[in-house]
Amino acid sequence: MQLLYLLILFSSITCNVHQHEKSFDDIRSEYVSGIKKLNLSGLQLNFKENILADNSMELINRQITFFKKSKEALGSVKIPGLDSNESPDYDLMKYQIDFNIERLELESKTYDKRSSIAGAESIYEIPNGKAWYQYFLKRWLGDNVSPDEIYQSGIAQITRAQQNIQAIRIKLGFTEDEFYIKLNDSSFFLDDEATIKKNFEDIKQIVSSKIQNIFLNYNIADVEIKRGTNKEFSQTPGYYSENVFYFNLFNKPYNTRQMDWLFIHEAVPGHHFQNSVASGTIRSDVQQLFWYPGYGEGWAAYVEEYGHELGLYKTPYEELGRWEWDIVRSVRVALDVGINYYGWNDRQALDFWKKNIKNQDDIAIREINRMKRWPVQVITYKYGALQFLTWKKKMQLKEGASFNIRNFHNELLKRGGLPFVLLKKYFDYDLVDKA
């Protein structure tokens, strides 16, 4: 009789335990609700605004409690039991939880030194500056990569861009001095807004007629072309916002060599194209919580590789325009690490710029100050583009003659909105090993 009683009691306890076990769906819903209540700060234009966003220890501790409880809840999930829709959310939640705990530990360590952070000129100068820089690398790129790796990648990309620029110079038959004199010729510059707009409209039509060479047939909203009026963006040749590609014509003539690559980057098949495809893609509630700039900027830089396939880069000068900006991006990769992690001063930074970039000294100080104010952001372009190029090479090696660029691009587009650390995992497993 006593044995029967014990068995009934054990069965009752077991049932109660199971009744109180939360499903993954419950854990996920609580996580989404909790993140929204925390109202976490998004990426700002100044690193200090991000570091100082949590202005009380009470706020920091509240976040620590939430993320540690979320980590504990996620630890109870049986991973083999998750379906194909749940697994990406589990991985993303785990990534974000660990990532935010790391951030909050840094905030706790530096909370008493907030005044020195507020007065710092660069992230290298602040307490735990190197750790903060590594945090921003992870936040902007969505990947686990060291500053040293990023620096070496930048050096390699500088060499690539310089080799392409020199190849174009040799093809044109100029000595180096003649080449850079030619590039400043007035024939490359326009002042007339109507003419510039007409040129971009022509580029738009050419790209529209060739886009299916490398992409499937998507329902893409029309992109308008307008002159930019926002002076906050005046230092860039153009930008994209809400179905409009803006070209900037403020206080200097417009360089026609930048028109082909710029339209590709900002409009089609760059930001406008990728955003249009993404708007038709169903993303989970967890995925909608987060944004990863490395993917978006990397995509826009990556598609500049396809100017010829899109009917552009018809002259050596138009192709050169792409490399003139690519070398700026490449130098910025190494320079960002140099300034913010290695502690280079302005003189060292300027010397590095002039050593590697010809004919663009006028923007050097502006870009150096940008990197000090906004560490890592400039790395997103080249880093993201390199991930896509790496996956493309893997697919080509795996599939050989059956490789289809349109299908490859479809896989990249439909997987957007995740950090690279997860995209690498899914892409390598699903598209390479199982191709």
Protein backbone atom coordinates (compact mmCIF):
# COMPACT_ATOMS: atom_id res chain seq x y z
CA MET A 1 0.00 0.00 0.00
CA GLN A 2 2.82 2.36 0.90
CA LEU A 3 4.57 1.57 -2.38
CA LEU A 4 1.39 2.37 -4.30
CA TYR A 5 1.12 5.69 -2.46
CA LEU A 6 4.73 6.60 -3.32
CA LEU A 7 4.16 5.77 -6.99
CA ILE A 8 1.06 7.97 -7.10
CA LEU A 9 2.92 10.80 -5.35
CA PHE A 10 5.86 10.55 -7.78
CA SER A 11 3.51 10.52 -10.74
CA SER A 12 1.75 13.63 -9.40
CA ILE A 13 5.04 15.50 -8.90
CA THR A 14 6.23 14.54 -12.40
CA CYS A 15 2.98 15.77 -13.94
CA ASN A 16 3.24 19.08 -12.08
CA VAL A 17 6.83 19.56 -13.27
CA HIS A 18 5.82 18.94 -16.88
CA GLN A 19 2.86 21.24 -16.53
CA HIS A 20 5.19 24.05 -15.45
CA GLU A 21 7.78 23.46 -18.17
CA LYS A 22 7.55 26.25 -20.71
CA SER A 23 7.38 25.53 -24.40
CA PHE A 24 9.84 27.21 -26.74
CA ASP A 25 6.96 29.26 -28.10
CA ASP A 26 6.23 30.60 -24.59
CA ILE A 27 9.90 31.40 -23.99
CA ARG A 28 10.13 33.14 -27.36
CA SER A 29 6.99 35.21 -26.75
CA GLU A 30 8.21 36.31 -23.32
CA TYR A 31 11.58 37.23 -24.83
CA VAL A 32 10.03 39.38 -27.58
CA SER A 33 7.77 41.11 -25.06
CA GLY A 34 10.68 41.69 -22.66
CA ILE A 35 12.97 43.15 -25.32
CA LYS A 36 10.27 45.59 -26.38
CA LYS A 37 9.76 46.72 -22.77
CA LEU A 38 13.50 47.29 -22.31
CA ASN A 39 13.47 49.73 -25.25
CA LEU A 40 17.15 49.12 -25.98
CA SER A 41 19.11 51.89 -27.67
CA GLY A 42 19.75 51.46 -31.39
CA LEU A 43 23.06 52.19 -33.07
CA GLN A 44 23.86 55.89 -32.87
CA LEU A 45 26.11 58.15 -34.95
CA ASN A 46 28.51 58.59 -32.03
CA PHE A 47 29.98 55.76 -29.96
CA LYS A 48 29.57 57.78 -26.77
CA GLU A 49 25.81 57.96 -27.24
CA ASN A 50 25.68 54.17 -27.33
CA ILE A 51 27.91 53.61 -24.32
CA LEU A 52 26.15 56.26 -22.21
CA ALA A 53 22.59 55.37 -23.31
CA ASP A 54 21.86 53.45 -20.09
CA ASN A 55 22.08 56.38 -17.68
CA SER A 56 21.54 54.57 -14.36
CA MET A 57 22.74 51.41 -12.66
CA GLU A 58 19.10 50.54 -12.02
CA LEU A 59 18.52 50.40 -15.78
CA ILE A 60 21.68 48.35 -16.33
CA ASN A 61 20.73 45.89 -13.57
CA ARG A 62 17.21 45.51 -14.95
CA GLN A 63 18.67 44.48 -18.29
CA ILE A 64 21.16 42.10 -16.67
CA THR A 65 18.30 40.39 -14.82
CA PHE A 66 16.25 40.04 -17.98
CA PHE A 67 19.03 38.60 -20.13
CA LYS A 68 20.25 36.18 -17.45
CA LYS A 69 16.70 34.89 -16.90
CA SER A 70 16.28 34.58 -20.67
CA LYS A 71 19.51 32.61 -20.88
CA GLU A 72 18.34 30.28 -18.13
CA ALA A 73 14.97 29.76 -19.85
CA LEU A 74 16.66 29.10 -23.20
CA GLY A 75 18.92 26.55 -21.52
CA SER A 76 15.88 24.35 -20.85
CA VAL A 77 14.96 24.12 -24.54
CA LYS A 78 15.47 20.74 -26.20
CA ILE A 79 17.29 21.79 -29.39
CA PRO A 80 16.68 18.56 -31.37
CA GLY A 81 12.95 19.12 -30.93
CA LEU A 82 12.92 22.51 -32.69
CA ASP A 83 11.50 22.77 -36.20
CA SER A 84 12.99 24.67 -39.16
CA ASN A 85 11.14 27.87 -38.19
CA GLU A 86 12.12 27.70 -34.52
CA SER A 87 15.83 26.92 -34.84
CA PRO A 88 16.84 30.29 -36.38
CA ASP A 89 14.96 32.13 -33.62
CA TYR A 90 16.64 30.02 -30.95
CA ASP A 91 20.07 30.75 -32.43
CA LEU A 92 19.34 34.46 -32.76
CA MET A 93 18.01 34.73 -29.20
CA LYS A 94 21.08 32.94 -27.84
CA TYR A 95 23.40 35.18 -29.84
CA GLN A 96 21.66 38.35 -28.67
CA ILE A 97 21.50 37.24 -25.04
CA ASP A 98 25.23 36.49 -24.84
CA PHE A 99 26.03 39.62 -26.79
CA ASN A 100 24.00 41.89 -24.47
CA ILE A 101 25.38 40.30 -21.31
CA GLU A 102 28.85 41.11 -22.64
CA ARG A 103 27.77 44.72 -23.25
CA LEU A 104 26.23 45.09 -19.80
CA GLU A 105 29.36 43.76 -18.10
CA LEU A 106 31.33 46.46 -19.90
CA GLU A 107 28.80 49.12 -18.91
CA SER A 108 29.01 48.04 -15.28
CA LYS A 109 32.82 48.24 -15.33
CA THR A 110 32.84 51.72 -16.83
CA TYR A 111 29.77 53.25 -15.17
CA ASP A 112 31.80 55.19 -12.58
CA LYS A 113 34.02 56.62 -15.35
CA ARG A 114 31.26 58.11 -17.49
CA SER A 115 32.69 61.63 -17.30
CA SER A 116 35.96 60.53 -18.92
CA ILE A 117 33.99 58.76 -21.66
CA ALA A 118 31.96 61.88 -22.40
CA GLY A 119 35.14 63.91 -22.89
CA ALA A 120 37.05 61.36 -24.98
CA GLU A 121 37.95 62.07 -28.60
CA SER A 122 38.12 58.40 -29.64
CA ILE A 123 37.13 55.02 -28.23
CA TYR A 124 40.82 54.17 -27.76
CA GLU A 125 41.01 56.83 -25.00
CA ILE A 126 38.16 55.54 -22.83
CA PRO A 127 38.39 52.98 -20.00
CA ASN A 128 38.32 49.43 -21.43
CA GLY A 129 38.50 51.03 -24.86
CA LYS A 130 39.85 47.93 -26.61
CA ALA A 131 37.07 45.76 -25.17
CA TRP A 132 34.51 48.34 -26.25
CA TYR A 133 35.94 48.36 -29.77
CA GLN A 134 35.64 44.59 -29.97
CA TYR A 135 32.05 44.91 -28.78
CA PHE A 136 31.28 47.41 -31.56
CA LEU A 137 32.90 45.09 -34.10
CA LYS A 138 30.44 42.42 -33.05
CA ARG A 139 27.51 44.80 -32.99
CA TRP A 140 28.11 46.38 -36.39
CA LEU A 141 29.26 43.23 -38.20
CA GLY A 142 27.20 40.62 -36.40
CA ASP A 143 30.20 38.32 -36.28
CA ASN A 144 33.01 37.13 -34.03
CA VAL A 145 36.15 38.53 -35.60
CA SER A 146 39.29 40.07 -34.11
CA PRO A 147 40.61 43.59 -34.82
CA ASP A 148 43.86 42.06 -36.10
CA GLU A 149 41.95 39.96 -38.63
CA ILE A 150 40.03 43.01 -39.79
CA TYR A 151 43.23 45.03 -40.17
CA GLN A 152 44.90 42.35 -42.31
CA SER A 153 41.75 42.06 -44.42
CA GLY A 154 41.88 45.81 -45.03
CA ILE A 155 45.50 45.62 -46.16
CA ALA A 156 44.62 42.84 -48.62
CA GLN A 157 41.72 44.85 -50.02
CA ILE A 158 43.92 47.93 -50.44
CA THR A 159 46.29 45.86 -52.58
CA ARG A 160 43.39 44.55 -54.67
CA ALA A 161 42.01 48.03 -55.33
CA GLN A 162 45.44 49.49 -56.14
CA GLN A 163 46.14 46.69 -58.62
CA ASN A 164 42.84 47.33 -60.42
CA ILE A 165 43.47 51.08 -60.56
CA GLN A 166 46.94 50.55 -61.98
CA ALA A 167 45.63 48.07 -64.54
CA ILE A 168 43.18 50.71 -65.80
CA ARG A 169 45.93 53.35 -65.90
CA ILE A 170 48.16 51.07 -67.97
CA LYS A 171 45.25 50.19 -70.26
CA LEU A 172 44.68 53.92 -70.89
CA GLY A 173 48.38 54.41 -71.64
CA PHE A 174 49.15 57.09 -69.03
CA THR A 175 52.13 57.54 -66.77
CA GLU A 176 51.08 57.92 -63.12
CA ASP A 177 51.45 61.72 -63.19
CA GLU A 178 49.52 62.00 -66.45
CA PHE A 179 46.82 59.73 -65.09
CA TYR A 180 45.97 61.84 -62.05
CA ILE A 181 46.14 65.07 -64.02
CA LYS A 182 43.63 63.55 -66.43
CA LEU A 183 41.28 62.52 -63.62
CA ASN A 184 40.93 66.15 -62.52
CA ASP A 185 39.94 67.27 -66.02
CA SER A 186 36.74 69.34 -66.16
CA SER A 187 35.18 66.91 -68.65
CA PHE A 188 34.47 64.49 -65.77
CA PHE A 189 32.44 67.01 -63.77
CA LEU A 190 28.90 68.36 -64.10
CA ASP A 191 27.14 71.33 -62.50
CA ASP A 192 23.73 71.07 -64.15
CA GLU A 193 21.10 69.28 -62.04
CA ALA A 194 18.92 68.33 -65.02
CA THR A 195 21.85 66.73 -66.85
CA ILE A 196 22.91 64.75 -63.79
CA LYS A 197 19.36 63.52 -63.23
CA LYS A 198 19.05 62.55 -66.91
CA ASN A 199 22.29 60.56 -66.68
CA PHE A 200 20.99 58.67 -63.66
CA GLU A 201 17.65 58.02 -65.37
CA ASP A 202 19.56 56.54 -68.32
CA ILE A 203 21.55 54.32 -65.95
CA LYS A 204 18.30 53.21 -64.32
CA GLN A 205 16.87 52.13 -67.68
CA ILE A 206 20.01 50.20 -68.62
CA VAL A 207 20.05 48.35 -65.29
CA SER A 208 16.32 47.60 -65.56
CA SER A 209 16.86 45.96 -68.95
CA LYS A 210 19.72 43.77 -67.67
CA ILE A 211 18.72 42.96 -64.09
CA GLN A 212 17.43 39.46 -64.88
CA ASN A 213 20.90 38.49 -66.07
CA ILE A 214 21.84 37.94 -62.43
CA PHE A 215 18.56 38.02 -60.44
CA LEU A 216 15.26 36.21 -60.44
CA ASN A 217 12.14 38.13 -61.37
CA TYR A 218 11.16 39.98 -58.17
CA ASN A 219 8.36 42.49 -57.70
CA ILE A 220 10.50 45.59 -57.12
CA ALA A 221 8.93 48.99 -56.46
CA ASP A 222 10.00 51.78 -58.80
CA VAL A 223 12.85 53.92 -57.47
CA GLU A 224 12.61 57.69 -57.90
CA ILE A 225 15.67 59.83 -58.60
CA LYS A 226 15.92 63.25 -56.95
CA ARG A 227 18.49 65.83 -55.97
CA GLY A 228 19.33 65.59 -52.27
CA THR A 229 18.45 68.52 -50.02
CA ASN A 230 19.49 67.14 -46.62
CA LYS A 231 22.78 68.85 -45.77
CA GLU A 232 23.50 66.28 -43.06
CA PHE A 233 24.27 63.86 -45.91
CA SER A 234 26.03 66.42 -48.12
CA GLN A 235 29.46 64.80 -47.74
CA THR A 236 28.34 61.65 -49.55
CA PRO A 237 27.75 61.52 -53.35
CA GLY A 238 24.26 60.16 -52.75
CA TYR A 239 21.98 58.17 -50.46
CA TYR A 240 18.77 56.14 -50.42
CA SER A 241 15.58 56.58 -48.41
CA GLU A 242 12.04 55.24 -48.83
CA ASN A 243 12.02 54.37 -52.53
CA VAL A 244 14.05 57.44 -53.51
CA PHE A 245 17.68 57.59 -54.66
CA TYR A 246 19.11 61.04 -53.92
CA PHE A 247 22.21 62.46 -55.62
CA ASN A 248 23.97 65.28 -53.80
CA LEU A 249 24.92 68.46 -55.62
CA PHE A 250 25.92 71.07 -53.09
CA ASN A 251 29.12 73.09 -53.20
CA LYS A 252 31.18 71.31 -55.87
CA PRO A 253 30.66 69.77 -59.34
CA TYR A 254 29.40 66.21 -59.65
CA ASN A 255 31.98 63.57 -60.57
CA THR A 256 30.52 61.47 -63.41
CA ARG A 257 32.91 58.59 -62.69
CA GLN A 258 30.92 57.80 -59.57
CA MET A 259 27.51 57.58 -61.21
CA ASP A 260 27.43 53.91 -62.28
CA TRP A 261 28.59 52.33 -59.03
CA LEU A 262 26.59 54.78 -56.93
CA PHE A 263 23.29 53.91 -58.60
CA ILE A 264 24.07 50.20 -58.21
CA HIS A 265 24.93 50.67 -54.53
CA GLU A 266 22.08 52.91 -53.43
CA ALA A 267 19.29 51.88 -55.80
CA VAL A 268 19.29 48.75 -57.99
CA PRO A 269 20.37 46.10 -57.20
CA GLY A 270 21.67 47.69 -53.97
CA HIS A 271 19.72 49.13 -51.04
CA HIS A 272 16.43 49.80 -52.84
CA PHE A 273 16.38 46.37 -54.48
CA GLN A 274 17.36 44.48 -51.33
CA ASN A 275 14.82 46.38 -49.20
CA SER A 276 12.07 45.68 -51.73
CA VAL A 277 12.82 41.95 -51.68
CA ALA A 278 13.02 41.96 -47.88
CA SER A 279 9.62 43.68 -47.58
CA GLY A 280 8.06 40.65 -49.25
CA THR A 281 9.86 38.19 -46.96
CA ILE A 282 8.16 36.93 -43.81
CA ARG A 283 10.36 37.48 -40.78
CA SER A 284 9.61 36.15 -37.32
CA ASP A 285 8.84 38.40 -34.34
CA VAL A 286 12.34 37.70 -32.99
CA GLN A 287 14.05 38.61 -36.27
CA GLN A 288 12.08 41.84 -36.51
CA LEU A 289 13.61 43.02 -33.23
CA PHE A 290 17.12 43.38 -34.60
CA TRP A 291 18.97 45.04 -37.46
CA TYR A 292 22.46 44.11 -38.71
CA PRO A 293 24.15 46.83 -40.81
CA GLY A 294 26.89 44.50 -42.02
CA TYR A 295 24.40 42.66 -44.20
CA GLY A 296 22.77 45.73 -45.79
CA GLU A 297 25.94 47.73 -46.46
CA GLY A 298 27.81 44.59 -47.44
CA TRP A 299 25.13 43.69 -49.97
CA ALA A 300 25.20 47.14 -51.57
CA ALA A 301 29.01 47.02 -51.86
CA TYR A 302 28.95 43.43 -53.12
CA VAL A 303 26.60 44.11 -56.06
CA GLU A 304 28.98 46.80 -57.37
CA GLU A 305 30.97 43.79 -58.63
CA TYR A 306 28.31 43.29 -61.34
CA GLY A 307 28.51 46.55 -63.26
CA HIS A 308 29.40 44.84 -66.54
CA GLU A 309 26.60 42.28 -66.23
CA LEU A 310 24.18 45.16 -65.63
CA GLY A 311 25.26 47.00 -68.79
CA LEU A 312 27.39 49.61 -66.98
CA TYR A 313 31.15 50.30 -66.59
CA LYS A 314 31.21 50.70 -70.37
CA THR A 315 34.37 52.82 -70.35
CA PRO A 316 37.57 52.38 -68.32
CA TYR A 317 36.77 55.65 -66.52
CA GLU A 318 33.36 54.44 -65.36
CA GLU A 319 34.92 51.27 -64.01
CA LEU A 320 37.69 53.32 -62.45
CA GLY A 321 35.10 55.31 -60.50
CA ARG A 322 34.12 52.12 -58.71
CA TRP A 323 37.74 51.41 -57.71
CA GLU A 324 38.35 55.03 -56.65
CA TRP A 325 35.69 54.56 -53.99
CA ASP A 326 36.64 50.95 -53.25
CA ILE A 327 40.14 51.98 -52.24
CA VAL A 328 38.67 54.56 -49.86
CA ARG A 329 36.54 51.84 -48.27
CA SER A 330 39.53 49.47 -48.10
CA VAL A 331 41.83 52.03 -46.50
CA ARG A 332 39.11 52.87 -43.99
CA VAL A 333 38.98 49.24 -42.85
CA ALA A 334 42.63 49.20 -41.79
CA LEU A 335 42.54 52.82 -40.64
CA ASP A 336 39.54 52.26 -38.37
CA VAL A 337 41.43 49.54 -36.51
CA GLY A 338 44.59 51.66 -36.49
CA ILE A 339 42.87 54.65 -34.92
CA ASN A 340 40.45 52.96 -32.55
CA TYR A 341 42.31 49.81 -31.50
CA TYR A 342 46.01 50.44 -32.12
CA GLY A 343 45.83 54.06 -30.99
CA TRP A 344 47.19 55.87 -34.05
CA ASN A 345 47.24 59.65 -33.79
CA ASP A 346 45.99 61.99 -36.53
CA ARG A 347 49.43 62.29 -38.09
CA GLN A 348 49.84 58.52 -38.37
CA ALA A 349 46.32 58.18 -39.75
CA LEU A 350 46.85 60.90 -42.35
CA ASP A 351 50.19 59.42 -43.41
CA PHE A 352 48.55 56.03 -43.89
CA TRP A 353 45.79 57.60 -46.01
CA LYS A 354 48.22 59.52 -48.25
CA LYS A 355 50.47 56.50 -48.65
CA ASN A 356 47.64 54.39 -50.04
CA ILE A 357 45.21 56.80 -51.74
CA LYS A 358 46.09 59.22 -54.53
CA ASN A 359 44.03 62.21 -55.59
CA GLN A 360 41.63 62.21 -52.61
CA ASP A 361 43.42 64.15 -49.87
CA ASP A 362 40.46 66.56 -49.67
CA ILE A 363 38.32 64.01 -47.79
CA ALA A 364 41.04 62.51 -45.57
CA ILE A 365 40.50 64.56 -42.40
CA ARG A 366 36.73 64.24 -42.75
CA GLU A 367 36.99 60.45 -42.92
CA ILE A 368 39.50 60.22 -40.05
CA ASN A 369 37.17 62.25 -37.81
CA ARG A 370 34.25 60.08 -38.89
CA MET A 371 36.07 56.92 -37.80
CA LYS A 372 36.91 58.39 -34.40
CA ARG A 373 33.33 59.45 -33.83
CA TRP A 374 31.68 56.36 -35.33
CA PRO A 375 34.04 53.36 -34.92
CA VAL A 376 33.49 50.21 -37.05
CA GLN A 377 30.66 51.59 -39.23
CA VAL A 378 33.02 52.09 -42.19
CA ILE A 379 34.09 48.43 -41.98
CA THR A 380 30.59 47.10 -42.72
CA TYR A 381 30.83 47.69 -46.49
CA LYS A 382 33.95 45.68 -47.22
CA TYR A 383 33.40 43.05 -44.55
CA GLY A 384 29.89 42.22 -45.71
CA ALA A 385 30.85 42.19 -49.39
CA LEU A 386 33.71 39.78 -48.66
CA GLN A 387 31.35 37.33 -46.95
CA PHE A 388 29.12 37.21 -50.03
CA LEU A 389 32.10 36.84 -52.36
CA THR A 390 33.47 34.01 -50.21
CA TRP A 391 30.16 32.11 -50.29
CA LYS A 392 29.92 32.63 -54.04
CA LYS A 393 33.38 31.12 -54.53
CA LYS A 394 32.42 28.12 -52.39
CA MET A 395 29.26 27.56 -54.39
CA GLN A 396 31.11 27.82 -57.70
CA LEU A 397 33.68 25.26 -56.54
CA LYS A 398 30.97 22.95 -55.28
CA GLU A 399 28.58 23.17 -58.24
CA GLY A 400 30.97 23.81 -61.11
CA ALA A 401 29.20 24.28 -64.45
CA SER A 402 25.76 23.94 -62.81
CA PHE A 403 26.31 27.06 -60.66
CA ASN A 404 23.47 29.54 -61.20
CA ILE A 405 24.14 33.14 -60.12
CA ARG A 406 20.42 33.97 -60.04
CA ASN A 407 19.65 31.15 -57.59
CA PHE A 408 22.70 32.03 -55.51
CA HIS A 409 21.53 35.63 -55.17
CA ASN A 410 18.06 34.45 -54.24
CA GLU A 411 19.52 32.44 -51.34
CA LEU A 412 21.47 35.49 -50.14
CA LEU A 413 18.44 37.78 -50.33
CA LYS A 414 16.00 35.49 -48.58
CA ARG A 415 18.40 34.91 -45.67
CA GLY A 416 18.94 38.61 -44.92
CA GLY A 417 18.24 40.13 -41.51
CA LEU A 418 20.51 37.83 -39.50
CA PRO A 419 24.00 38.40 -38.08
CA PHE A 420 26.84 37.02 -40.18
CA VAL A 421 27.81 34.55 -37.47
CA LEU A 422 24.48 32.77 -38.08
CA LEU A 423 24.39 33.32 -41.83
CA LYS A 424 27.77 31.58 -42.07
CA LYS A 425 26.41 28.64 -40.12
CA TYR A 426 23.27 28.25 -42.23
CA PHE A 427 24.87 29.04 -45.56
CA ASP A 428 27.83 26.70 -45.16
CA TYR A 429 25.62 23.86 -43.96
CA ASP A 430 22.61 24.17 -46.25
CA LEU A 431 24.16 25.48 -49.44
CA VAL A 432 27.66 24.05 -49.49
CA ASP A 433 27.76 20.74 -47.63
CA LYS A 434 24.31 19.66 -48.83
CA ALA A 435 24.35 21.22 -52.34
